[in-house]
PDB file of N, CA and C in Angstrom:
ATOM      1  N   MET A   1      11.667  -5.052   5.119  1.00  0.00           N
ATOM      2  CA  MET A   1      11.524  -6.174   4.315  1.00  0.00           C
ATOM      3  C   MET A   1      13.168  -6.887   3.793  1.00  0.00           C
ATOM      4  N   ASN A   2      13.371  -7.437   3.081  1.00  0.00           N
ATOM      5  CA  ASN A   2      14.687  -7.773   3.039  1.00  0.00           C
ATOM      6  C   ASN A   2      15.155  -7.730   0.963  1.00  0.00           C
ATOM      7  N   SER A   3      16.837  -7.744   0.670  1.00  0.00           N
ATOM      8  CA  SER A   3      15.735  -7.530  -0.483  1.00  0.00           C
ATOM      9  C   SER A   3      16.628  -8.851  -1.589  1.00  0.00           C
ATOM     10  N   GLU A   4      16.507  -9.340  -0.314  1.00  0.00           N
ATOM     11  CA  GLU A   4      16.969 -10.738  -1.309  1.00  0.00           C
ATOM     12  C   GLU A   4      16.642 -12.090  -1.202  1.00  0.00           C
ATOM     13  N   TRP A   5      14.750 -11.387  -0.739  1.00  0.00           N
ATOM     14  CA  TRP A   5      14.623 -11.864  -1.031  1.00  0.00           C
ATOM     15  C   TRP A   5      14.092 -12.342  -3.759  1.00  0.00           C
ATOM     16  N   THR A   6      13.114 -14.243  -3.261  1.00  0.00           N
ATOM     17  CA  THR A   6      13.263 -14.731  -4.433  1.00  0.00           C
ATOM     18  C   THR A   6      12.238 -13.372  -4.888  1.00  0.00           C
ATOM     19  N   ALA A   7      11.945 -13.279  -6.839  1.00  0.00           N
ATOM     20  CA  ALA A   7      10.097 -13.261  -7.082  1.00  0.00           C
ATOM     21  C   ALA A   7       9.612 -13.486  -6.405  1.00  0.00           C
ATOM     22  N   GLU A   8       8.760 -14.818  -6.328  1.00  0.00           N
ATOM     23  CA  GLU A   8       8.038 -14.891  -5.554  1.00  0.00           C
ATOM     24  C   GLU A   8       7.787 -14.356  -4.563  1.00  0.00           C
ATOM     25  N   GLU A   9       8.850 -14.369  -3.296  1.00  0.00           N
ATOM     26  CA  GLU A   9       8.786 -13.210  -2.084  1.00  0.00           C
ATOM     27  C   GLU A   9       7.950 -12.440  -1.453  1.00  0.00           C
ATOM     28  N   TRP A  10       8.953 -11.623  -3.059  1.00  0.00           N
ATOM     29  CA  TRP A  10       8.316 -10.191  -3.346  1.00  0.00           C
ATOM     30  C   TRP A  10       7.092 -10.468  -4.353  1.00  0.00           C
ATOM     31  N   ILE A  11       5.940 -11.114  -5.269  1.00  0.00           N
ATOM     32  CA  ILE A  11       4.562 -11.362  -5.335  1.00  0.00           C
ATOM     33  C   ILE A  11       3.814 -11.790  -4.262  1.00  0.00           C
ATOM     34  N   GLU A  12       4.325 -12.483  -3.551  1.00  0.00           N
ATOM     35  CA  GLU A  12       4.101 -12.648  -2.001  1.00  0.00           C
ATOM     36  C   GLU A  12       2.612 -11.736  -1.751  1.00  0.00           C
ATOM     37  N   PHE A  13       4.247 -11.277  -0.447  1.00  0.00           N
ATOM     38  CA  PHE A  13       4.838 -10.239  -0.629  1.00  0.00           C
ATOM     39  C   PHE A  13       3.248  -9.114  -0.433  1.00  0.00           C
ATOM     40  N   SER A  14       3.680  -8.556  -1.821  1.00  0.00           N
ATOM     41  CA  SER A  14       2.543  -7.816  -2.176  1.00  0.00           C
ATOM     42  C   SER A  14       1.494  -7.934  -2.260  1.00  0.00           C
ATOM     43  N   GLN A  15       0.888  -8.869  -2.857  1.00  0.00           N
ATOM     44  CA  GLN A  15      -0.419 -10.077  -2.235  1.00  0.00           C
ATOM     45  C   GLN A  15      -0.882  -9.784  -0.714  1.00  0.00           C
ATOM     46  N   TRP A  16      -0.041  -9.686   0.448  1.00  0.00           N
ATOM     47  CA  TRP A  16      -0.309  -9.388   1.162  1.00  0.00           C
ATOM     48  C   TRP A  16      -1.280  -8.585   1.815  1.00  0.00           C
ATOM     49  N   LEU A  17       0.494  -7.983   1.886  1.00  0.00           N
ATOM     50  CA  LEU A  17       0.203  -5.747   1.419  1.00  0.00           C
ATOM     51  C   LEU A  17      -1.379  -5.738   1.118  1.00  0.00           C
ATOM     52  N   THR A  18      -1.405  -5.540  -0.134  1.00  0.00           N
ATOM     53  CA  THR A  18      -2.948  -5.385  -0.549  1.00  0.00           C
ATOM     54  C   THR A  18      -3.663  -5.913   0.547  1.00  0.00           C
ATOM     55  N   ASP A  19      -3.910  -6.509   0.057  1.00  0.00           N
ATOM     56  CA  ASP A  19      -5.121  -8.299   1.000  1.00  0.00           C
ATOM     57  C   ASP A  19      -5.257  -7.423   2.471  1.00  0.00           C
ATOM     58  N   MET A  20      -4.110  -6.641   3.111  1.00  0.00           N
ATOM     59  CA  MET A  20      -4.672  -6.128   4.353  1.00  0.00           C
ATOM     60  C   MET A  20      -5.015  -4.680   4.080  1.00  0.00           C
ATOM     61  N   LEU A  21      -4.619  -4.076   3.675  1.00  0.00           N
ATOM     62  CA  LEU A  21      -5.113  -2.932   2.662  1.00  0.00           C
ATOM     63  C   LEU A  21      -6.333  -2.770   3.163  1.00  0.00           C
ATOM     64  N   LYS A  22      -7.200  -3.847   2.003  1.00  0.00           N
ATOM     65  CA  LYS A  22      -8.280  -3.672   0.868  1.00  0.00           C
ATOM     66  C   LYS A  22      -8.921  -3.968   3.083  1.00  0.00           C
ATOM     67  N   ILE A  23      -9.011  -4.629   3.653  1.00  0.00           N
ATOM     68  CA  ILE A  23      -9.432  -4.547   4.758  1.00  0.00           C
ATOM     69  C   ILE A  23      -9.272  -3.775   6.520  1.00  0.00           C
ATOM     70  N   SER A  24      -7.768  -3.116   6.023  1.00  0.00           N
ATOM     71  CA  SER A  24      -7.866  -2.528   7.191  1.00  0.00           C
ATOM     72  C   SER A  24      -7.467  -0.597   6.929  1.00  0.00           C
ATOM     73  N   ILE A  25      -6.821  -0.241   7.801  1.00  0.00           N
ATOM     74  CA  ILE A  25      -6.273   1.165   8.094  1.00  0.00           C
ATOM     75  C   ILE A  25      -4.846   0.718   8.521  1.00  0.00           C
ATOM     76  N   ILE A  26      -3.640   0.906   7.917  1.00  0.00           N
ATOM     77  CA  ILE A  26      -2.358   0.489   8.308  1.00  0.00           C
ATOM     78  C   ILE A  26      -1.311   1.720   8.180  1.00  0.00           C
ATOM     79  N   THR A  27      -0.327   1.507   9.247  1.00  0.00           N
ATOM     80  CA  THR A  27       0.448   2.567   8.879  1.00  0.00           C
ATOM     81  C   THR A  27       2.181   2.132   8.278  1.00  0.00           C
ATOM     82  N   LEU A  28       2.109   2.855   7.123  1.00  0.00           N
ATOM     83  CA  LEU A  28       3.062   2.692   6.592  1.00  0.00           C
ATOM     84  C   LEU A  28       4.894   3.398   7.406  1.00  0.00           C
ATOM     85  N   THR A  29       5.935   2.289   7.510  1.00  0.00           N
ATOM     86  CA  THR A  29       6.976   3.901   7.531  1.00  0.00           C
ATOM     87  C   THR A  29       7.878   3.321   6.260  1.00  0.00           C
ATOM     88  N   PHE A  30       8.089   3.898   5.537  1.00  0.00           N
ATOM     89  CA  PHE A  30       8.735   3.899   4.503  1.00  0.00           C
ATOM     90  C   PHE A  30       9.837   4.475   3.833  1.00  0.00           C
ATOM     91  N   THR A  31      10.267   4.420   2.776  1.00  0.00           N
ATOM     92  CA  THR A  31      11.523   5.314   2.652  1.00  0.00           C
ATOM     93  C   THR A  31      11.546   6.129   1.365  1.00  0.00           C
ATOM     94  N   LYS A  32      11.835   7.773   1.539  1.00  0.00           N
ATOM     95  CA  LYS A  32      11.330   8.610  -0.383  1.00  0.00           C
ATOM     96  C   LYS A  32      12.010   7.904  -0.892  1.00  0.00           C
ATOM     97  N   LYS A  33      11.474   7.861  -2.256  1.00  0.00           N
ATOM     98  CA  LYS A  33      13.064   8.235  -3.016  1.00  0.00           C
ATOM     99  C   LYS A  33      14.252   9.288  -3.369  1.00  0.00           C
ATOM    100  N   ASP A  34      13.645  10.657  -2.231  1.00  0.00           N
ATOM    101  CA  ASP A  34      14.869  11.192  -2.196  1.00  0.00           C
ATOM    102  C   ASP A  34      15.364  11.088  -0.888  1.00  0.00           C
ATOM    103  N   GLY A  35      15.446   9.627  -0.124  1.00  0.00           N
ATOM    104  CA  GLY A  35      15.665   9.921   1.101  1.00  0.00           C
ATOM    105  C   GLY A  35      15.195   9.659   2.341  1.00  0.00           C
ATOM    106  N   THR A  36      14.081  10.459   2.464  1.00  0.00           N
ATOM    107  CA  THR A  36      13.765  10.906   4.298  1.00  0.00           C
ATOM    108  C   THR A  36      13.004   9.547   4.484  1.00  0.00           C
ATOM    109  N   GLU A  37      12.251   9.264   4.996  1.00  0.00           N
ATOM    110  CA  GLU A  37      12.300   8.632   5.602  1.00  0.00           C
ATOM    111  C   GLU A  37      10.082   9.267   6.197  1.00  0.00           C
ATOM    112  N   ARG A  38       9.048   8.485   5.820  1.00  0.00           N
ATOM    113  CA  ARG A  38       7.892   8.740   5.574  1.00  0.00           C
ATOM    114  C   ARG A  38       7.219   8.226   7.072  1.00  0.00           C
ATOM    115  N   VAL A  39       5.727   8.262   7.078  1.00  0.00           N
ATOM    116  CA  VAL A  39       5.444   7.269   8.296  1.00  0.00           C
ATOM    117  C   VAL A  39       3.618   7.489   7.790  1.00  0.00           C
ATOM    118  N   MET A  40       3.481   6.865   6.718  1.00  0.00           N
ATOM    119  CA  MET A  40       1.959   7.086   6.274  1.00  0.00           C
ATOM    120  C   MET A  40       0.815   6.170   6.887  1.00  0.00           C
ATOM    121  N   ARG A  41      -0.714   7.101   7.324  1.00  0.00           N
ATOM    122  CA  ARG A  41      -1.785   6.329   7.251  1.00  0.00           C
ATOM    123  C   ARG A  41      -2.384   5.700   5.839  1.00  0.00           C
ATOM    124  N   CYS A  42      -2.944   4.995   5.691  1.00  0.00           N
ATOM    125  CA  CYS A  42      -3.099   4.485   4.479  1.00  0.00           C
ATOM    126  C   CYS A  42      -4.448   3.778   4.469  1.00  0.00           C
ATOM    127  N   THR A  43      -4.811   2.910   3.400  1.00  0.00           N
ATOM    128  CA  THR A  43      -5.476   1.797   3.563  1.00  0.00           C
ATOM    129  C   THR A  43      -6.369   1.822   1.660  1.00  0.00           C
ATOM    130  N   LEU A  44      -6.931   0.436   1.441  1.00  0.00           N
ATOM    131  CA  LEU A  44      -7.687   0.673   0.364  1.00  0.00           C
ATOM    132  C   LEU A  44      -9.539   0.052   0.607  1.00  0.00           C
ATOM    133  N   GLN A  45     -10.004   0.066   1.646  1.00  0.00           N
ATOM    134  CA  GLN A  45     -11.260  -0.387   2.448  1.00  0.00           C
ATOM    135  C   GLN A  45     -11.678   0.079   1.762  1.00  0.00           C
ATOM    136  N   PRO A  46     -12.978  -0.528   1.133  1.00  0.00           N
ATOM    137  CA  PRO A  46     -13.554   0.517   0.137  1.00  0.00           C
ATOM    138  C   PRO A  46     -14.069   1.466   0.560  1.00  0.00           C
ATOM    139  N   ASP A  47     -14.866   1.315   2.053  1.00  0.00           N
ATOM    140  CA  ASP A  47     -15.742   2.270   2.388  1.00  0.00           C
ATOM    141  C   ASP A  47     -14.586   3.423   2.615  1.00  0.00           C
ATOM    142  N   LEU A  48     -13.527   3.467   3.118  1.00  0.00           N
ATOM    143  CA  LEU A  48     -12.788   5.023   3.156  1.00  0.00           C
ATOM    144  C   LEU A  48     -12.156   5.242   2.462  1.00  0.00           C
ATOM    145  N   LEU A  49     -12.708   5.354   0.836  1.00  0.00           N
ATOM    146  CA  LEU A  49     -11.878   5.880  -0.191  1.00  0.00           C
ATOM    147  C   LEU A  49     -13.564   6.347  -1.059  1.00  0.00           C
ATOM    148  N   PRO A  50     -11.997   8.215  -1.534  1.00  0.00           N
ATOM    149  CA  PRO A  50     -13.809   8.672  -2.062  1.00  0.00           C
ATOM    150  C   PRO A  50     -14.045   8.515  -3.381  1.00  0.00           C
ATOM    151  N   GLU A  51     -14.900   9.042  -3.889  1.00  0.00           N
ATOM    152  CA  GLU A  51     -16.138   8.390  -4.867  1.00  0.00           C
ATOM    153  C   GLU A  51     -14.528   8.568  -5.711  1.00  0.00           C
ATOM    154  N   VAL A  52     -14.933   7.395  -7.566  1.00  0.00           N
ATOM    155  CA  VAL A  52     -14.139   8.010  -8.403  1.00  0.00           C
ATOM    156  C   VAL A  52     -14.419   7.722  -9.319  1.00  0.00           C
ATOM    157  N   GLU A  53     -14.589   8.529 -10.454  1.00  0.00           N
ATOM    158  CA  GLU A  53     -15.149   7.759 -11.774  1.00  0.00           C
ATOM    159  C   GLU A  53     -14.053   6.667 -12.495  1.00  0.00           C
ATOM    160  N   HIS A  54     -14.558   5.725 -12.593  1.00  0.00           N
ATOM    161  CA  HIS A  54     -14.470   4.293 -13.237  1.00  0.00           C
ATOM    162  C   HIS A  54     -13.682   4.657 -15.488  1.00  0.00           C
ATOM    163  N   LYS A  55     -12.175   4.777 -14.725  1.00  0.00           N
ATOM    164  CA  LYS A  55     -12.148   4.631 -16.172  1.00  0.00           C
ATOM    165  C   LYS A  55     -12.458   3.822 -16.986  1.00  0.00           C
ATOM    166  N   THR A  56     -12.380   3.606 -18.495  1.00  0.00           N
ATOM    167  CA  THR A  56     -13.280   1.755 -19.062  1.00  0.00           C
ATOM    168  C   THR A  56     -11.590   1.390 -20.181  1.00  0.00           C
ATOM    169  N   GLU A  57     -11.003   2.092 -20.109  1.00  0.00           N
ATOM    170  CA  GLU A  57      -9.923   2.108 -20.177  1.00  0.00           C
ATOM    171  C   GLU A  57      -8.491   0.823 -19.248  1.00  0.00           C
ATOM    172  N   LEU A  58      -8.467  -0.268 -19.686  1.00  0.00           N
ATOM    173  CA  LEU A  58      -7.546  -0.835 -19.339  1.00  0.00           C
ATOM    174  C   LEU A  58      -5.846  -1.337 -19.184  1.00  0.00           C
ATOM    175  N   LYS A  59      -5.486  -0.931 -18.056  1.00  0.00           N
ATOM    176  CA  LYS A  59      -3.977  -0.808 -17.882  1.00  0.00           C
ATOM    177  C   LYS A  59      -3.611  -2.235 -18.365  1.00  0.00           C
ATOM    178  N   GLU A  60      -2.612  -2.799 -19.270  1.00  0.00           N
ATOM    179  CA  GLU A  60      -1.992  -3.191 -18.899  1.00  0.00           C
ATOM    180  C   GLU A  60      -0.878  -4.335 -16.900  1.00  0.00           C
ATOM    181  N   SER A  61      -1.500  -5.132 -16.528  1.00  0.00           N
ATOM    182  CA  SER A  61      -0.779  -5.163 -14.774  1.00  0.00           C
ATOM    183  C   SER A  61       0.850  -5.522 -15.711  1.00  0.00           C
ATOM    184  N   LYS A  62       1.757  -5.318 -14.901  1.00  0.00           N
ATOM    185  CA  LYS A  62       3.105  -4.955 -15.515  1.00  0.00           C
ATOM    186  C   LYS A  62       3.250  -6.695 -14.106  1.00  0.00           C
ATOM    187  N   PRO A  63       4.269  -7.078 -14.261  1.00  0.00           N
ATOM    188  CA  PRO A  63       5.101  -7.815 -13.013  1.00  0.00           C
ATOM    189  C   PRO A  63       5.350  -7.287 -11.261  1.00  0.00           C
ATOM    190  N   VAL A  64       4.940  -7.875 -10.483  1.00  0.00           N
ATOM    191  CA  VAL A  64       5.809  -7.332  -9.766  1.00  0.00           C
ATOM    192  C   VAL A  64       6.263  -7.870  -9.219  1.00  0.00           C
ATOM    193  N   THR A  65       7.193  -6.478  -8.857  1.00  0.00           N
ATOM    194  CA  THR A  65       8.903  -6.745  -8.997  1.00  0.00           C
ATOM    195  C   THR A  65       9.047  -5.574  -6.947  1.00  0.00           C
ATOM    196  N   GLN A  66      10.401  -6.139  -6.966  1.00  0.00           N
ATOM    197  CA  GLN A  66      10.114  -5.326  -6.021  1.00  0.00           C
ATOM    198  C   GLN A  66      10.173  -3.939  -5.921  1.00  0.00           C
ATOM    199  N   GLU A  67      10.601  -2.899  -7.130  1.00  0.00           N
ATOM    200  CA  GLU A  67       9.910  -2.387  -6.942  1.00  0.00           C
ATOM    201  C   GLU A  67       8.654  -1.535  -8.022  1.00  0.00           C
ATOM    202  N   THR A  68       7.681  -2.725  -7.391  1.00  0.00           N
ATOM    203  CA  THR A  68       6.205  -2.160  -7.468  1.00  0.00           C
ATOM    204  C   THR A  68       6.179  -1.332  -6.762  1.00  0.00           C
ATOM    205  N   ALA A  69       5.102   0.188  -7.778  1.00  0.00           N
ATOM    206  CA  ALA A  69       4.447   0.614  -6.941  1.00  0.00           C
ATOM    207  C   ALA A  69       3.360   0.190  -5.908  1.00  0.00           C
ATOM    208  N   ILE A  70       2.769   0.842  -4.579  1.00  0.00           N
ATOM    209  CA  ILE A  70       1.620   0.486  -4.736  1.00  0.00           C
ATOM    210  C   ILE A  70       1.223   1.639  -4.844  1.00  0.00           C
ATOM    211  N   PRO A  71      -0.404   2.063  -5.434  1.00  0.00           N
ATOM    212  CA  PRO A  71      -1.340   2.745  -5.414  1.00  0.00           C
ATOM    213  C   PRO A  71      -1.940   2.927  -4.130  1.00  0.00           C
ATOM    214  N   VAL A  72      -1.827   3.739  -2.372  1.00  0.00           N
ATOM    215  CA  VAL A  72      -3.364   3.390  -1.280  1.00  0.00           C
ATOM    216  C   VAL A  72      -3.823   5.105  -1.352  1.00  0.00           C
ATOM    217  N   TYR A  73      -4.823   5.318  -0.105  1.00  0.00           N
ATOM    218  CA  TYR A  73      -5.161   6.630  -0.111  1.00  0.00           C
ATOM    219  C   TYR A  73      -4.296   6.679   1.443  1.00  0.00           C
ATOM    220  N   ASP A  74      -3.961   7.715   0.976  1.00  0.00           N
ATOM    221  CA  ASP A  74      -3.245   8.827   2.787  1.00  0.00           C
ATOM    222  C   ASP A  74      -4.445   9.097   3.789  1.00  0.00           C
ATOM    223  N   LEU A  75      -5.183   8.638   4.229  1.00  0.00           N
ATOM    224  CA  LEU A  75      -6.385   9.051   5.560  1.00  0.00           C
ATOM    225  C   LEU A  75      -5.881  10.916   5.670  1.00  0.00           C
ATOM    226  N   ASP A  76      -4.765  10.720   6.349  1.00  0.00           N
ATOM    227  CA  ASP A  76      -3.455  11.978   6.536  1.00  0.00           C
ATOM    228  C   ASP A  76      -3.797  12.831   6.049  1.00  0.00           C
ATOM    229  N   ASN A  77      -3.765  12.524   4.607  1.00  0.00           N
ATOM    230  CA  ASN A  77      -3.118  13.754   3.136  1.00  0.00           C
ATOM    231  C   ASN A  77      -4.650  13.747   2.312  1.00  0.00           C
ATOM    232  N   ASN A  78      -5.888  13.581   2.702  1.00  0.00           N
ATOM    233  CA  ASN A  78      -6.292  12.467   2.227  1.00  0.00           C
ATOM    234  C   ASN A  78      -6.663  13.022   0.426  1.00  0.00           C
ATOM    235  N   GLY A  79      -5.757  11.974   0.263  1.00  0.00           N
ATOM    236  CA  GLY A  79      -5.759  12.053  -1.583  1.00  0.00           C
ATOM    237  C   GLY A  79      -4.723  10.286  -1.614  1.00  0.00           C
ATOM    238  N   TRP A  80      -4.582  10.137  -3.213  1.00  0.00           N
ATOM    239  CA  TRP A  80      -3.402   8.513  -3.320  1.00  0.00           C
ATOM    240  C   TRP A  80      -2.195   8.791  -3.491  1.00  0.00           C
ATOM    241  N   ARG A  81      -1.785   8.633  -2.922  1.00  0.00           N
ATOM    242  CA  ARG A  81      -0.164   8.140  -2.725  1.00  0.00           C
ATOM    243  C   ARG A  81       0.834   6.884  -3.433  1.00  0.00           C
ATOM    244  N   SER A  82       1.750   6.953  -3.054  1.00  0.00           N
ATOM    245  CA  SER A  82       1.804   4.856  -3.221  1.00  0.00           C
ATOM    246  C   SER A  82       3.844   5.549  -2.795  1.00  0.00           C
ATOM    247  N   PHE A  83       3.528   3.556  -2.833  1.00  0.00           N
ATOM    248  CA  PHE A  83       5.247   3.355  -2.284  1.00  0.00           C
ATOM    249  C   PHE A  83       5.879   2.476  -2.258  1.00  0.00           C
ATOM    250  N   THR A  84       7.138   2.104  -2.705  1.00  0.00           N
ATOM    251  CA  THR A  84       8.113   1.181  -3.511  1.00  0.00           C
ATOM    252  C   THR A  84       7.361   0.130  -2.746  1.00  0.00           C
ATOM    253  N   LEU A  85       7.674  -1.115  -3.051  1.00  0.00           N
ATOM    254  CA  LEU A  85       7.650  -2.343  -1.728  1.00  0.00           C
ATOM    255  C   LEU A  85       8.968  -2.630  -1.136  1.00  0.00           C
ATOM    256  N   ASN A  86      10.612  -2.177  -2.076  1.00  0.00           N
ATOM    257  CA  ASN A  86      10.966  -2.249  -0.820  1.00  0.00           C
ATOM    258  C   ASN A  86      11.648  -1.645  -0.699  1.00  0.00           C
ATOM    259  N   SER A  87      10.975  -0.071  -0.679  1.00  0.00           N
ATOM    260  CA  SER A  87      10.902   0.526   0.774  1.00  0.00           C
ATOM    261  C   SER A  87      10.219   0.812   1.905  1.00  0.00           C
ATOM    262  N   VAL A  88       9.568   0.260   2.216  1.00  0.00           N
ATOM    263  CA  VAL A  88       9.103  -0.379   3.432  1.00  0.00           C
ATOM    264  C   VAL A  88       9.769  -1.131   4.413  1.00  0.00           C
ATOM    265  N   LYS A  89       9.674  -0.213   5.484  1.00  0.00           N
ATOM    266  CA  LYS A  89      10.590  -0.740   6.721  1.00  0.00           C
ATOM    267  C   LYS A  89       9.600  -1.461   7.768  1.00  0.00           C
ATOM    268  N   ARG A  90       8.520  -0.658   7.428  1.00  0.00           N
ATOM    269  CA  ARG A  90       7.241  -1.255   8.437  1.00  0.00           C
ATOM    270  C   ARG A  90       6.377  -1.082   8.048  1.00  0.00           C
ATOM    271  N   VAL A  91       5.314  -2.041   8.791  1.00  0.00           N
ATOM    272  CA  VAL A  91       4.200  -2.299   8.740  1.00  0.00           C
ATOM    273  C   VAL A  91       3.376  -2.229  10.112  1.00  0.00           C
ATOM    274  N   GLY A  92       2.576  -1.123  10.568  1.00  0.00           N
ATOM    275  CA  GLY A  92       2.038  -1.251  11.510  1.00  0.00           C
ATOM    276  C   GLY A  92       0.334  -1.702  11.701  1.00  0.00           C
ATOM    277  N   PHE A  93      -0.654  -2.230  11.803  1.00  0.00           N
ATOM    278  CA  PHE A  93      -1.547  -1.876  12.069  1.00  0.00           C
ATOM    279  C   PHE A  93      -2.390  -1.916  12.640  1.00  0.00           C
ATOM    280  N   GLU A  94      -4.075  -0.369  12.424  1.00  0.00           N
ATOM    281  CA  GLU A  94      -4.089  -1.034  13.884  1.00  0.00           C
ATOM    282  C   GLU A  94      -6.126  -0.707  13.784  1.00  0.00           C
ATOM    283  N   LEU A  95      -5.408  -1.098  15.131  1.00  0.00           N
ATOM    284  CA  LEU A  95      -7.400  -1.965  16.213  1.00  0.00           C
ATOM    285  C   LEU A  95      -8.855  -1.064  16.022  1.00  0.00           C
ATOM    286  N   THR A  96      -9.093  -1.955  15.835  1.00  0.00           N
ATOM    287  CA  THR A  96     -11.196  -1.649  15.588  1.00  0.00           C
ATOM    288  C   THR A  96     -11.570  -2.703  16.027  1.00  0.00           C
ATOM    289  N   THR A  97     -13.004  -2.233  16.691  1.00  0.00           N
ATOM    290  CA  THR A  97     -13.544  -2.435  16.985  1.00  0.00           C
ATOM    291  C   THR A  97     -15.423  -2.163  16.168  1.00  0.00           C
ATOM    292  N   PRO A  98     -15.525  -3.644  16.400  1.00  0.00           N
ATOM    293  CA  PRO A  98     -17.042  -2.924  15.367  1.00  0.00           C
ATOM    294  C   PRO A  98     -18.574  -2.480  16.458  1.00  0.00           C
ATOM    295  N   GLU A  99     -18.886  -0.988  14.992  1.00  0.00           N
ATOM    296  CA  GLU A  99     -19.950   0.203  16.181  1.00  0.00           C
ATOM    297  C   GLU A  99     -20.997  -0.979  16.168  1.00  0.00           C
ATOM    298  N   THR A 100     -21.338  -0.681  17.408  1.00  0.00           N
ATOM    299  CA  THR A 100     -22.518  -1.347  17.673  1.00  0.00           C
ATOM    300  C   THR A 100     -23.860  -0.225  17.463  1.00  0.00           C
TER     301      THR A 100
END
């Protein structure tokens, strides 16, 4: 991704990526905080997420920036993980066919 993007472009990228995560499995390549590269199969598809208790307390939303952390469900490690938008190097999609 591009560190020279405008604030609006970071918001658009965040929204696009979140929307794609809600409908598909994505393979993300990103740089972890320690500088190592990580590849993660993740999603936000409701039918692939574990059951969780909903908190009644709402957190105040922060504006989206290039440092915004995006929480996702890691399908290979079966747990919640996050990454920052500006650490993303590659986004890949898994093609699936409807079950008959």
